[in-house]
Amino acid sequence: MQSELYKVKANLPIHSIWRFVSVMDNWAPLVPGYIEHVIVNERESIWKFKTDLGMIKKKIELKVEITNWIEPTKVTFNLTGINEKMTGKGYFEADEITESSTCMTGFLEIIPEGKMAKMINNKLKKNLSDMTKELTEAIIEKIGEKIIS
């Protein structure tokens, strides 16, 4: 099992962050290696993306199930591998600092299973760290672009 937590201060009001992360279509395309996603219903979607685990390059397909929408502070979700044996969970959390700034936290946990689990787990730590940071920062950047435009 590997997990990663990343925090960043955003010069954005908490409600701007909520409006963005409360819609899966907004942040699914920001996942590093994104290929496509399909919304199944308001709480479930299927995401496809490419990942590089050193010598292994894989197309991953995951079911993403929102477990909680806690307006305006938190979105939690579970991950289930469709084409790979893995499970996981994650969240985005916003803590208001002032009316115009917010601390944004991104968290991801992945649990590889099956024959390749031990090898994948060893490579996953760096990838998960990069993915969590890139996704959290991409969300902040995209929200900033929407506010400016």
Protein backbone atom coordinates (compact mmCIF):
# COMPACT_ATOMS: atom_id res chain seq x y z
CA MET A 1 0.00 0.00 0.00
CA GLN A 2 1.25 3.43 -0.94
CA SER A 3 -0.30 6.76 -0.04
CA GLU A 4 0.58 10.37 -0.62
CA LEU A 5 -0.67 13.65 0.83
CA TYR A 6 0.04 17.00 -0.82
CA LYS A 7 -0.94 20.46 0.49
CA VAL A 8 -0.76 23.77 -1.32
CA LYS A 9 -1.93 27.29 -0.49
CA ALA A 10 -4.17 28.69 -3.20
CA ASN A 11 -5.05 32.34 -3.62
CA LEU A 12 -8.63 31.31 -4.34
CA PRO A 13 -11.83 31.48 -2.29
CA ILE A 14 -13.02 28.14 -0.92
CA HIS A 15 -16.30 28.33 -2.88
CA SER A 16 -14.40 28.60 -6.21
CA ILE A 17 -12.55 25.39 -5.34
CA TRP A 18 -15.79 23.67 -4.35
CA ARG A 19 -17.59 24.65 -7.57
CA PHE A 20 -14.74 23.05 -9.52
CA VAL A 21 -14.12 19.81 -7.57
CA SER A 22 -17.83 19.09 -7.08
CA VAL A 23 -18.01 18.25 -10.82
CA MET A 24 -15.99 15.16 -11.83
CA ASP A 25 -15.85 16.30 -15.47
CA ASN A 26 -13.70 19.25 -14.34
CA TRP A 27 -10.90 17.32 -12.70
CA ALA A 28 -10.83 13.90 -14.37
CA PRO A 29 -8.96 15.30 -17.45
CA LEU A 30 -6.28 16.72 -15.13
CA VAL A 31 -5.08 13.27 -13.98
CA PRO A 32 -1.51 12.78 -15.27
CA GLY A 33 -1.58 10.44 -18.28
CA TYR A 34 -5.31 11.07 -18.87
CA ILE A 35 -6.85 9.29 -21.87
CA GLU A 36 -10.61 9.56 -21.25
CA HIS A 37 -13.37 9.23 -18.69
CA VAL A 38 -17.04 8.28 -18.77
CA ILE A 39 -19.59 9.45 -16.23
CA VAL A 40 -21.79 6.52 -15.17
CA ASN A 41 -23.92 8.55 -12.74
CA GLU A 42 -23.46 11.52 -10.39
CA ARG A 43 -21.25 9.45 -8.04
CA GLU A 44 -19.51 6.99 -10.35
CA SER A 45 -17.22 7.27 -13.35
CA ILE A 46 -14.69 5.20 -15.28
CA TRP A 47 -11.28 6.76 -15.90
CA LYS A 48 -8.60 5.62 -18.34
CA PHE A 49 -5.03 6.89 -18.12
CA LYS A 50 -1.46 5.82 -18.91
CA THR A 51 1.10 5.30 -16.20
CA ASP A 52 4.79 4.60 -16.28
CA LEU A 53 6.11 2.25 -13.59
CA GLY A 54 9.71 2.21 -14.73
CA MET A 55 10.02 -0.61 -17.23
CA ILE A 56 6.28 -1.15 -17.20
CA LYS A 57 4.01 1.23 -19.11
CA LYS A 58 0.33 0.49 -18.55
CA LYS A 59 -3.06 1.77 -19.55
CA ILE A 60 -5.07 1.75 -16.34
CA GLU A 61 -8.84 1.70 -16.15
CA LEU A 62 -10.37 2.60 -12.79
CA LYS A 63 -13.85 2.95 -11.40
CA VAL A 64 -14.00 6.16 -9.35
CA GLU A 65 -16.85 6.25 -6.85
CA ILE A 66 -17.56 9.42 -4.90
CA THR A 67 -18.28 8.43 -1.30
CA ASN A 68 -18.93 11.92 0.11
CA TRP A 69 -19.59 15.44 -1.13
CA ILE A 70 -19.14 17.69 1.91
CA GLU A 71 -19.78 21.22 0.66
CA PRO A 72 -17.65 23.36 0.59
CA THR A 73 -14.73 21.47 2.09
CA LYS A 74 -14.28 17.88 0.94
CA VAL A 75 -14.79 15.31 -1.80
CA THR A 76 -13.86 11.69 -0.97
CA PHE A 77 -13.70 8.79 -3.39
CA ASN A 78 -12.87 5.09 -3.71
CA LEU A 79 -10.89 3.58 -6.58
CA THR A 80 -11.35 0.08 -8.00
CA GLY A 81 -9.17 -1.34 -10.75
CA ILE A 82 -11.07 -2.63 -13.77
CA ASN A 83 -8.20 -3.98 -15.87
CA GLU A 84 -5.65 -4.22 -13.03
CA LYS A 85 -5.98 -5.72 -9.57
CA MET A 86 -5.87 -2.67 -7.33
CA THR A 87 -8.01 -0.66 -4.95
CA GLY A 88 -7.57 2.71 -3.37
CA LYS A 89 -9.12 5.88 -2.11
CA GLY A 90 -8.53 9.59 -2.07
CA TYR A 91 -9.88 13.02 -1.32
CA PHE A 92 -9.60 16.71 -1.99
CA GLU A 93 -10.03 18.93 1.02
CA ALA A 94 -10.20 22.71 1.20
CA ASP A 95 -9.56 24.67 4.39
CA GLU A 96 -10.35 28.38 4.26
CA ILE A 97 -7.46 30.58 5.37
CA THR A 98 -9.06 33.94 4.48
CA GLU A 99 -11.94 34.93 2.21
CA SER A 100 -9.57 34.85 -0.76
CA SER A 101 -7.13 32.06 0.14
CA THR A 102 -7.52 28.37 0.84
CA CYS A 103 -5.28 25.45 1.78
CA MET A 104 -5.97 22.65 -0.71
CA THR A 105 -5.05 19.07 0.21
CA GLY A 106 -4.93 16.17 -2.21
CA PHE A 107 -4.63 12.59 -0.95
CA LEU A 108 -4.30 9.32 -2.87
CA GLU A 109 -3.83 5.76 -1.64
CA ILE A 110 -3.33 2.81 -4.00
CA ILE A 111 -3.19 -0.84 -2.98
CA PRO A 112 -1.88 -3.11 -5.75
CA GLU A 113 -2.99 -6.73 -5.58
CA GLY A 114 -2.16 -9.94 -7.41
CA LYS A 115 1.13 -11.46 -8.67
CA MET A 116 2.78 -8.16 -9.62
CA ALA A 117 1.75 -6.30 -6.43
CA LYS A 118 5.17 -6.36 -4.73
CA MET A 119 7.03 -5.07 -7.80
CA ILE A 120 4.38 -2.44 -8.58
CA ASN A 121 4.30 -1.30 -4.96
CA ASN A 122 8.05 -0.56 -5.09
CA LYS A 123 7.65 1.65 -8.18
CA LEU A 124 4.39 3.23 -7.07
CA LYS A 125 5.71 5.50 -4.29
CA LYS A 126 7.42 8.01 -6.62
CA ASN A 127 4.62 7.87 -9.19
CA LEU A 128 1.94 8.41 -6.55
CA SER A 129 3.83 11.36 -5.08
CA ASP A 130 4.16 12.98 -8.52
CA MET A 131 0.56 12.21 -9.47
CA THR A 132 -0.88 13.65 -6.24
CA LYS A 133 1.16 16.84 -6.54
CA GLU A 134 0.49 17.29 -10.27
CA LEU A 135 -3.25 16.69 -9.95
CA THR A 136 -3.68 19.01 -6.94
CA GLU A 137 -1.65 21.80 -8.58
CA ALA A 138 -3.45 21.33 -11.93
CA ILE A 139 -6.81 21.77 -10.19
CA ILE A 140 -5.66 25.01 -8.55
CA GLU A 141 -4.24 26.28 -11.85
CA LYS A 142 -7.42 25.42 -13.82
CA ILE A 143 -9.64 27.17 -11.25
CA GLY A 144 -7.40 30.25 -11.44
CA GLU A 145 -7.73 30.27 -15.25
CA LYS A 146 -11.54 30.10 -15.01
CA ILE A 147 -11.65 33.00 -12.55
CA ILE A 148 -9.40 35.16 -14.77
CA SER A 149 -11.29 34.42 -18.01
